[in-house]
Amino acid sequence: MPDLGIDTIAFAAARREEYLPLSALPGAADLVPPERLAAAGIPLSRLMVRIPEDDDVDVAAQVLAALGPPVLPQPLFFVRSGPLRDPNVAALAGLVHRSGWAGEDIGLSHLDELGGTAVFGLLEWAVETDATAVVCDEPLFADEAAGQPRFAAVGLRLRRGAAPLTVSGCGEGKPALAGDHRFTGRGPCDAWLAFCAALAEGVVADGERVLLHTRGPLREGWLSLLAVDVAALRLVPAAPVVSASLLGGRSG
């Protein structure tokens, strides 16, 4: 089967303020599974929890709109980092309905930090010709010491065969491949946003290998990409314009 490639990347990020200390919500700590608290990797004394708001920014819808409708119907993979920001909302169904998506839709959730890297092991197997993947990170928990949390999403248009970026490998654990450029972050979209910033700055050149490395509180994952034709890659910041401060830095 031909290699899996990427020809378009859309991205969105927004700071959110609607978090409250877990201690301010009576009985909340008893309702949250201990595994979720451990996965957050935040001391209980600093742990804040997300309170859904009616005007929540839907970063997943923003990147899907930025990508635009595909020429022909294709599968949509909606990859979420963890629980829904609002347990009463069917996020995938709403996204498909609002966008008028014509192809199949598949939802993957609770992948935590691996949602933007190791998930490509599934995508490499599941994508037959063309597909769209949206990786969404809307953290349920936040660290009071780290400032305002960030909602983020990355939309990818995938295809088999020749493409501006080619997937070289992925996995869970420490990276098994090296790269000319390495972008590291804690959440599933962090390394992607730093990569987008580098692409916008013209840092990545044809023939170079890019390593996206995610290292969370419990697990780490990696994705290796080969830059084949950077000039042909479509890079689309979703509205509103994403500021450089939200994209994060780069390393390596």
C-alpha atoms as a PDB file:
ATOM      1  CA  MET A   1       0.000   0.000   0.000  1.00  0.00           C
ATOM      2  CA  PRO A   2       1.367   3.483  -0.829  1.00  0.00           C
ATOM      3  CA  ASP A   3       2.632   5.650   1.993  1.00  0.00           C
ATOM      4  CA  LEU A   4       0.210   7.782   3.978  1.00  0.00           C
ATOM      5  CA  GLY A   5       0.736  11.489   3.359  1.00  0.00           C
ATOM      6  CA  ILE A   6      -0.546  14.898   4.447  1.00  0.00           C
ATOM      7  CA  ASP A   7      -1.322  17.720   2.038  1.00  0.00           C
ATOM      8  CA  THR A   8      -3.188  20.199   4.288  1.00  0.00           C
ATOM      9  CA  ILE A   9      -2.919  21.199   7.965  1.00  0.00           C
ATOM     10  CA  ALA A  10      -5.442  23.473   9.681  1.00  0.00           C
ATOM     11  CA  PHE A  11      -4.984  24.562  13.293  1.00  0.00           C
ATOM     12  CA  ALA A  12      -6.786  26.501  15.990  1.00  0.00           C
ATOM     13  CA  ALA A  13      -6.048  27.434  19.600  1.00  0.00           C
ATOM     14  CA  ALA A  14      -7.821  29.511  22.213  1.00  0.00           C
ATOM     15  CA  ARG A  15      -7.168  30.308  25.878  1.00  0.00           C
ATOM     16  CA  ARG A  16      -9.971  29.393  28.275  1.00  0.00           C
ATOM     17  CA  GLU A  17     -10.720  30.885  31.677  1.00  0.00           C
ATOM     18  CA  GLU A  18     -13.744  28.879  32.833  1.00  0.00           C
ATOM     19  CA  TYR A  19     -11.954  26.566  35.267  1.00  0.00           C
ATOM     20  CA  LEU A  20     -12.590  26.297  39.001  1.00  0.00           C
ATOM     21  CA  PRO A  21     -10.484  24.667  41.742  1.00  0.00           C
ATOM     22  CA  LEU A  22     -11.662  21.122  42.348  1.00  0.00           C
ATOM     23  CA  SER A  23     -11.841  21.985  46.037  1.00  0.00           C
ATOM     24  CA  ALA A  24     -14.493  24.644  45.268  1.00  0.00           C
ATOM     25  CA  LEU A  25     -16.920  22.004  43.963  1.00  0.00           C
ATOM     26  CA  PRO A  26     -18.296  20.001  46.906  1.00  0.00           C
ATOM     27  CA  GLY A  27     -18.111  16.269  46.274  1.00  0.00           C
ATOM     28  CA  ALA A  28     -16.499  16.663  42.838  1.00  0.00           C
ATOM     29  CA  ALA A  29     -13.329  14.796  43.809  1.00  0.00           C
ATOM     30  CA  ASP A  30     -15.423  11.748  44.735  1.00  0.00           C
ATOM     31  CA  LEU A  31     -17.117  11.752  41.318  1.00  0.00           C
ATOM     32  CA  VAL A  32     -13.940  11.799  39.233  1.00  0.00           C
ATOM     33  CA  PRO A  33     -12.335   8.375  38.684  1.00  0.00           C
ATOM     34  CA  PRO A  34      -8.896   8.173  40.347  1.00  0.00           C
ATOM     35  CA  GLU A  35      -7.411   7.120  37.000  1.00  0.00           C
ATOM     36  CA  ARG A  36      -8.459  10.431  35.425  1.00  0.00           C
ATOM     37  CA  LEU A  37      -6.950  12.386  38.300  1.00  0.00           C
ATOM     38  CA  ALA A  38      -3.702  10.431  37.948  1.00  0.00           C
ATOM     39  CA  ALA A  39      -3.650  10.973  34.179  1.00  0.00           C
ATOM     40  CA  ALA A  40      -3.876  14.719  34.709  1.00  0.00           C
ATOM     41  CA  GLY A  41      -0.516  14.642  36.483  1.00  0.00           C
ATOM     42  CA  ILE A  42      -1.459  17.679  38.616  1.00  0.00           C
ATOM     43  CA  PRO A  43      -1.272  17.849  42.435  1.00  0.00           C
ATOM     44  CA  LEU A  44      -4.725  17.967  43.988  1.00  0.00           C
ATOM     45  CA  SER A  45      -3.880  21.259  45.681  1.00  0.00           C
ATOM     46  CA  ARG A  46      -3.509  22.900  42.225  1.00  0.00           C
ATOM     47  CA  LEU A  47      -6.098  20.937  40.266  1.00  0.00           C
ATOM     48  CA  MET A  48      -8.792  22.908  38.449  1.00  0.00           C
ATOM     49  CA  VAL A  49     -11.730  21.436  36.534  1.00  0.00           C
ATOM     50  CA  ARG A  50     -13.500  22.684  33.437  1.00  0.00           C
ATOM     51  CA  ILE A  51     -17.009  24.142  33.803  1.00  0.00           C
ATOM     52  CA  PRO A  52     -18.835  24.061  30.412  1.00  0.00           C
ATOM     53  CA  GLU A  53     -20.052  27.404  29.083  1.00  0.00           C
ATOM     54  CA  ASP A  54     -22.646  28.117  26.408  1.00  0.00           C
ATOM     55  CA  ASP A  55     -20.136  30.192  24.414  1.00  0.00           C
ATOM     56  CA  ASP A  56     -17.336  27.613  24.438  1.00  0.00           C
ATOM     57  CA  VAL A  57     -15.023  27.940  21.452  1.00  0.00           C
ATOM     58  CA  ASP A  58     -15.392  24.859  19.227  1.00  0.00           C
ATOM     59  CA  VAL A  59     -11.852  24.507  17.916  1.00  0.00           C
ATOM     60  CA  ALA A  60     -12.689  21.231  16.154  1.00  0.00           C
ATOM     61  CA  ALA A  61     -15.407  22.929  14.111  1.00  0.00           C
ATOM     62  CA  GLN A  62     -13.015  25.783  13.317  1.00  0.00           C
ATOM     63  CA  VAL A  63     -10.330  23.541  11.825  1.00  0.00           C
ATOM     64  CA  LEU A  64     -12.851  21.451   9.904  1.00  0.00           C
ATOM     65  CA  ALA A  65     -14.299  24.624   8.383  1.00  0.00           C
ATOM     66  CA  ALA A  66     -10.790  25.859   7.578  1.00  0.00           C
ATOM     67  CA  LEU A  67     -10.016  22.631   5.723  1.00  0.00           C
ATOM     68  CA  GLY A  68     -13.145  23.057   3.643  1.00  0.00           C
ATOM     69  CA  PRO A  69     -15.269  20.250   2.188  1.00  0.00           C
ATOM     70  CA  PRO A  70     -13.415  17.520   0.308  1.00  0.00           C
ATOM     71  CA  VAL A  71     -13.994  17.146  -3.411  1.00  0.00           C
ATOM     72  CA  LEU A  72     -15.406  13.649  -2.887  1.00  0.00           C
ATOM     73  CA  PRO A  73     -16.900  12.075   0.268  1.00  0.00           C
ATOM     74  CA  GLN A  74     -14.239  10.641   2.575  1.00  0.00           C
ATOM     75  CA  PRO A  75     -14.021   9.307   6.143  1.00  0.00           C
ATOM     76  CA  LEU A  76     -13.683  11.725   9.062  1.00  0.00           C
ATOM     77  CA  PHE A  77     -11.655  10.606  12.087  1.00  0.00           C
ATOM     78  CA  PHE A  78     -12.417  12.700  15.182  1.00  0.00           C
ATOM     79  CA  VAL A  79      -9.698  12.134  17.793  1.00  0.00           C
ATOM     80  CA  ARG A  80     -10.281  13.559  21.261  1.00  0.00           C
ATOM     81  CA  SER A  81      -7.712  13.707  24.049  1.00  0.00           C
ATOM     82  CA  GLY A  82     -10.143  12.879  26.858  1.00  0.00           C
ATOM     83  CA  PRO A  83     -13.717  13.318  28.098  1.00  0.00           C
ATOM     84  CA  LEU A  84     -16.092  15.743  26.447  1.00  0.00           C
ATOM     85  CA  ARG A  85     -15.982  19.300  27.746  1.00  0.00           C
ATOM     86  CA  ASP A  86     -19.742  18.954  28.259  1.00  0.00           C
ATOM     87  CA  PRO A  87     -21.025  15.431  29.085  1.00  0.00           C
ATOM     88  CA  ASN A  88     -24.455  16.364  27.711  1.00  0.00           C
ATOM     89  CA  VAL A  89     -23.116  17.088  24.206  1.00  0.00           C
ATOM     90  CA  ALA A  90     -22.571  14.534  21.434  1.00  0.00           C
ATOM     91  CA  ALA A  91     -19.506  16.218  19.962  1.00  0.00           C
ATOM     92  CA  LEU A  92     -18.985  14.052  16.884  1.00  0.00           C
ATOM     93  CA  ALA A  93     -22.655  14.050  15.911  1.00  0.00           C
ATOM     94  CA  GLY A  94     -22.812  17.816  16.295  1.00  0.00           C
ATOM     95  CA  LEU A  95     -19.637  18.318  14.274  1.00  0.00           C
ATOM     96  CA  VAL A  96     -20.906  16.125  11.443  1.00  0.00           C
ATOM     97  CA  HIS A  97     -24.329  17.798  11.449  1.00  0.00           C
ATOM     98  CA  ARG A  98     -23.033  21.385  11.429  1.00  0.00           C
ATOM     99  CA  SER A  99     -20.430  20.730   8.759  1.00  0.00           C
ATOM    100  CA  GLY A 100     -22.702  18.696   6.514  1.00  0.00           C
ATOM    101  CA  TRP A 101     -20.038  15.973   6.333  1.00  0.00           C
ATOM    102  CA  ALA A 102     -20.876  13.556   3.519  1.00  0.00           C
ATOM    103  CA  GLY A 103     -18.621  10.598   4.334  1.00  0.00           C
ATOM    104  CA  GLU A 104     -18.334   8.127   7.180  1.00  0.00           C
ATOM    105  CA  ASP A 105     -17.352   9.393  10.614  1.00  0.00           C
ATOM    106  CA  ILE A 106     -15.336   7.622  13.299  1.00  0.00           C
ATOM    107  CA  GLY A 107     -14.751   8.876  16.833  1.00  0.00           C
ATOM    108  CA  LEU A 108     -11.750   8.040  19.031  1.00  0.00           C
ATOM    109  CA  SER A 109     -11.540   9.356  22.566  1.00  0.00           C
ATOM    110  CA  HIS A 110      -9.532   9.194  25.789  1.00  0.00           C
ATOM    111  CA  LEU A 111      -6.223   8.832  23.949  1.00  0.00           C
ATOM    112  CA  ASP A 112      -4.792  11.581  26.153  1.00  0.00           C
ATOM    113  CA  GLU A 113      -1.325  12.688  25.030  1.00  0.00           C
ATOM    114  CA  LEU A 114      -1.104  10.021  22.283  1.00  0.00           C
ATOM    115  CA  GLY A 115      -3.968  11.453  20.222  1.00  0.00           C
ATOM    116  CA  GLY A 116      -1.729  13.391  17.835  1.00  0.00           C
ATOM    117  CA  THR A 117       1.117  10.911  17.390  1.00  0.00           C
ATOM    118  CA  ALA A 118       0.618   7.210  18.109  1.00  0.00           C
ATOM    119  CA  VAL A 119      -2.904   7.387  16.643  1.00  0.00           C
ATOM    120  CA  PHE A 120      -1.242   7.313  13.229  1.00  0.00           C
ATOM    121  CA  GLY A 121      -0.706   3.600  13.766  1.00  0.00           C
ATOM    122  CA  LEU A 122      -4.472   3.265  13.345  1.00  0.00           C
ATOM    123  CA  LEU A 123      -4.713   5.848  10.566  1.00  0.00           C
ATOM    124  CA  GLU A 124      -2.027   4.101   8.520  1.00  0.00           C
ATOM    125  CA  TRP A 125      -4.118   0.942   8.685  1.00  0.00           C
ATOM    126  CA  ALA A 126      -7.571   2.493   8.302  1.00  0.00           C
ATOM    127  CA  VAL A 127      -7.120   5.108   5.553  1.00  0.00           C
ATOM    128  CA  GLU A 128      -7.597   3.513   2.139  1.00  0.00           C
ATOM    129  CA  THR A 129      -7.334   6.482  -0.248  1.00  0.00           C
ATOM    130  CA  ASP A 130      -8.300   9.866   1.269  1.00  0.00           C
ATOM    131  CA  ALA A 131      -9.479  10.910   4.717  1.00  0.00           C
ATOM    132  CA  THR A 132      -9.665  13.806   7.147  1.00  0.00           C
ATOM    133  CA  ALA A 133      -8.495  13.631  10.764  1.00  0.00           C
ATOM    134  CA  VAL A 134      -9.268  16.202  13.454  1.00  0.00           C
ATOM    135  CA  VAL A 135      -7.252  15.971  16.673  1.00  0.00           C
ATOM    136  CA  CYS A 136      -8.924  17.945  19.453  1.00  0.00           C
ATOM    137  CA  ASP A 137      -7.575  18.767  22.917  1.00  0.00           C
ATOM    138  CA  GLU A 138     -10.021  20.388  25.333  1.00  0.00           C
ATOM    139  CA  PRO A 139      -8.526  19.491  28.720  1.00  0.00           C
ATOM    140  CA  LEU A 140     -10.966  18.664  31.484  1.00  0.00           C
ATOM    141  CA  PHE A 141      -8.327  19.470  34.110  1.00  0.00           C
ATOM    142  CA  ALA A 142      -5.826  22.298  34.420  1.00  0.00           C
ATOM    143  CA  ASP A 143      -2.925  23.223  36.673  1.00  0.00           C
ATOM    144  CA  GLU A 144      -3.560  26.417  38.611  1.00  0.00           C
ATOM    145  CA  ALA A 145       0.172  27.146  38.543  1.00  0.00           C
ATOM    146  CA  ALA A 146       0.390  26.957  34.722  1.00  0.00           C
ATOM    147  CA  GLY A 147      -1.919  29.842  33.811  1.00  0.00           C
ATOM    148  CA  GLN A 148      -4.904  29.775  31.507  1.00  0.00           C
ATOM    149  CA  PRO A 149      -5.394  26.413  29.763  1.00  0.00           C
ATOM    150  CA  ARG A 150      -5.562  26.177  25.993  1.00  0.00           C
ATOM    151  CA  PHE A 151      -8.135  24.511  23.794  1.00  0.00           C
ATOM    152  CA  ALA A 152      -6.446  23.326  20.590  1.00  0.00           C
ATOM    153  CA  ALA A 153      -7.267  21.353  17.451  1.00  0.00           C
ATOM    154  CA  VAL A 154      -5.381  20.261  14.357  1.00  0.00           C
ATOM    155  CA  GLY A 155      -7.112  19.193  11.150  1.00  0.00           C
ATOM    156  CA  LEU A 156      -5.257  17.016   8.656  1.00  0.00           C
ATOM    157  CA  ARG A 157      -6.165  16.070   5.115  1.00  0.00           C
ATOM    158  CA  LEU A 158      -4.647  12.645   4.485  1.00  0.00           C
ATOM    159  CA  ARG A 159      -4.118  10.681   1.300  1.00  0.00           C
ATOM    160  CA  ARG A 160      -2.286   7.673  -0.069  1.00  0.00           C
ATOM    161  CA  GLY A 161       0.619   8.230  -2.438  1.00  0.00           C
ATOM    162  CA  ALA A 162       2.594  11.351  -3.252  1.00  0.00           C
ATOM    163  CA  ALA A 163       2.023  14.173  -0.751  1.00  0.00           C
ATOM    164  CA  PRO A 164       3.936  17.180   0.631  1.00  0.00           C
ATOM    165  CA  LEU A 165       4.473  15.330   3.941  1.00  0.00           C
ATOM    166  CA  THR A 166       4.896  11.559   4.223  1.00  0.00           C
ATOM    167  CA  VAL A 167       4.433   9.523   7.403  1.00  0.00           C
ATOM    168  CA  SER A 168       7.629   7.597   8.157  1.00  0.00           C
ATOM    169  CA  GLY A 169       6.605   5.941  11.413  1.00  0.00           C
ATOM    170  CA  CYS A 170       4.953   6.380  14.778  1.00  0.00           C
ATOM    171  CA  GLY A 171       4.718   4.676  18.127  1.00  0.00           C
ATOM    172  CA  GLU A 172       4.269   4.813  21.867  1.00  0.00           C
ATOM    173  CA  GLY A 173       7.248   5.368  24.136  1.00  0.00           C
ATOM    174  CA  LYS A 174      10.535   7.096  23.418  1.00  0.00           C
ATOM    175  CA  PRO A 175      11.057   8.062  19.750  1.00  0.00           C
ATOM    176  CA  ALA A 176      12.527   5.254  17.675  1.00  0.00           C
ATOM    177  CA  LEU A 177      13.561   7.551  14.809  1.00  0.00           C
ATOM    178  CA  ALA A 178      15.610  10.740  14.706  1.00  0.00           C
ATOM    179  CA  GLY A 179      14.726  13.971  12.941  1.00  0.00           C
ATOM    180  CA  ASP A 180      16.318  17.129  11.567  1.00  0.00           C
ATOM    181  CA  HIS A 181      13.649  19.024  13.509  1.00  0.00           C
ATOM    182  CA  ARG A 182      12.066  17.927  16.770  1.00  0.00           C
ATOM    183  CA  PHE A 183       8.909  19.441  18.249  1.00  0.00           C
ATOM    184  CA  THR A 184       7.903  18.412  21.748  1.00  0.00           C
ATOM    185  CA  GLY A 185       4.852  19.124  23.891  1.00  0.00           C
ATOM    186  CA  ARG A 186       2.681  17.774  26.675  1.00  0.00           C
ATOM    187  CA  GLY A 187      -0.707  17.632  24.944  1.00  0.00           C
ATOM    188  CA  PRO A 188      -1.728  15.873  21.716  1.00  0.00           C
ATOM    189  CA  CYS A 189      -1.748  19.106  19.666  1.00  0.00           C
ATOM    190  CA  ASP A 190       1.247  20.896  21.210  1.00  0.00           C
ATOM    191  CA  ALA A 191       3.951  19.474  18.937  1.00  0.00           C
ATOM    192  CA  TRP A 192       1.709  19.997  15.909  1.00  0.00           C
ATOM    193  CA  LEU A 193       1.185  23.676  16.748  1.00  0.00           C
ATOM    194  CA  ALA A 194       4.932  24.208  17.191  1.00  0.00           C
ATOM    195  CA  PHE A 195       5.495  22.448  13.858  1.00  0.00           C
ATOM    196  CA  CYS A 196       2.958  24.737  12.177  1.00  0.00           C
ATOM    197  CA  ALA A 197       4.797  27.762  13.588  1.00  0.00           C
ATOM    198  CA  ALA A 198       8.066  26.467  12.138  1.00  0.00           C
ATOM    199  CA  LEU A 199       6.441  25.835   8.757  1.00  0.00           C
ATOM    200  CA  ALA A 200       5.072  29.384   8.729  1.00  0.00           C
ATOM    201  CA  GLU A 201       8.581  30.685   9.450  1.00  0.00           C
ATOM    202  CA  GLY A 202      10.071  28.659   6.579  1.00  0.00           C
ATOM    203  CA  VAL A 203      12.273  26.646   8.907  1.00  0.00           C
ATOM    204  CA  VAL A 204      11.568  23.183   7.452  1.00  0.00           C
ATOM    205  CA  ALA A 205      13.069  22.321   4.048  1.00  0.00           C
ATOM    206  CA  ASP A 206      12.427  19.578   1.517  1.00  0.00           C
ATOM    207  CA  GLY A 207      14.173  16.318   2.328  1.00  0.00           C
ATOM    208  CA  GLU A 208      14.269  16.963   6.075  1.00  0.00           C
ATOM    209  CA  ARG A 209      12.758  14.656   8.658  1.00  0.00           C
ATOM    210  CA  VAL A 210      10.463  16.040  11.330  1.00  0.00           C
ATOM    211  CA  LEU A 211       9.859  14.358  14.672  1.00  0.00           C
ATOM    212  CA  LEU A 212       6.733  15.221  16.637  1.00  0.00           C
ATOM    213  CA  HIS A 213       7.192  14.074  20.234  1.00  0.00           C
ATOM    214  CA  THR A 214       4.490  14.182  22.903  1.00  0.00           C
ATOM    215  CA  ARG A 215       5.478  13.544  26.508  1.00  0.00           C
ATOM    216  CA  GLY A 216       2.622  13.613  29.012  1.00  0.00           C
ATOM    217  CA  PRO A 217       2.427  12.788  32.711  1.00  0.00           C
ATOM    218  CA  LEU A 218       1.984   9.057  32.106  1.00  0.00           C
ATOM    219  CA  ARG A 219       2.932   8.238  28.510  1.00  0.00           C
ATOM    220  CA  GLU A 220       4.815   9.533  25.525  1.00  0.00           C
ATOM    221  CA  GLY A 221       4.403   9.008  21.800  1.00  0.00           C
ATOM    222  CA  TRP A 222       6.056  10.061  18.575  1.00  0.00           C
ATOM    223  CA  LEU A 223       5.396  10.609  14.877  1.00  0.00           C
ATOM    224  CA  SER A 224       8.043  10.876  12.158  1.00  0.00           C
ATOM    225  CA  LEU A 225       7.343  12.847   8.968  1.00  0.00           C
ATOM    226  CA  LEU A 226       9.385  13.385   5.810  1.00  0.00           C
ATOM    227  CA  ALA A 227       9.091  16.814   4.195  1.00  0.00           C
ATOM    228  CA  VAL A 228       8.775  16.067   0.470  1.00  0.00           C
ATOM    229  CA  ASP A 229       7.441  19.335  -0.963  1.00  0.00           C
ATOM    230  CA  VAL A 230       6.994  22.007   1.708  1.00  0.00           C
ATOM    231  CA  ALA A 231       5.885  24.657  -0.807  1.00  0.00           C
ATOM    232  CA  ALA A 232       2.948  22.452  -1.843  1.00  0.00           C
ATOM    233  CA  LEU A 233       1.740  21.948   1.731  1.00  0.00           C
ATOM    234  CA  ARG A 234      -1.405  23.935   2.502  1.00  0.00           C
ATOM    235  CA  LEU A 235      -1.175  25.504   5.968  1.00  0.00           C
ATOM    236  CA  VAL A 236      -4.441  27.036   7.193  1.00  0.00           C
ATOM    237  CA  PRO A 237      -4.821  28.919  10.499  1.00  0.00           C
ATOM    238  CA  ALA A 238      -8.470  28.727  11.531  1.00  0.00           C
ATOM    239  CA  ALA A 239     -10.374  31.921  12.355  1.00  0.00           C
ATOM    240  CA  PRO A 240      -9.829  33.775  14.567  1.00  0.00           C
ATOM    241  CA  VAL A 241      -6.150  34.099  13.669  1.00  0.00           C
ATOM    242  CA  VAL A 242      -4.001  32.037  15.998  1.00  0.00           C
ATOM    243  CA  SER A 243      -1.341  34.144  17.688  1.00  0.00           C
ATOM    244  CA  ALA A 244       2.287  33.046  17.895  1.00  0.00           C
ATOM    245  CA  SER A 245       2.070  32.849  21.691  1.00  0.00           C
ATOM    246  CA  LEU A 246      -0.560  30.110  21.418  1.00  0.00           C
ATOM    247  CA  LEU A 247       1.439  28.020  18.956  1.00  0.00           C
ATOM    248  CA  GLY A 248       4.278  27.353  21.372  1.00  0.00           C
ATOM    249  CA  GLY A 249       7.958  26.964  20.726  1.00  0.00           C
ATOM    250  CA  ARG A 250      10.046  24.412  18.954  1.00  0.00           C
ATOM    251  CA  SER A 251      13.004  22.313  20.008  1.00  0.00           C
ATOM    252  CA  GLY A 252      15.716  20.307  18.374  1.00  0.00           C
END
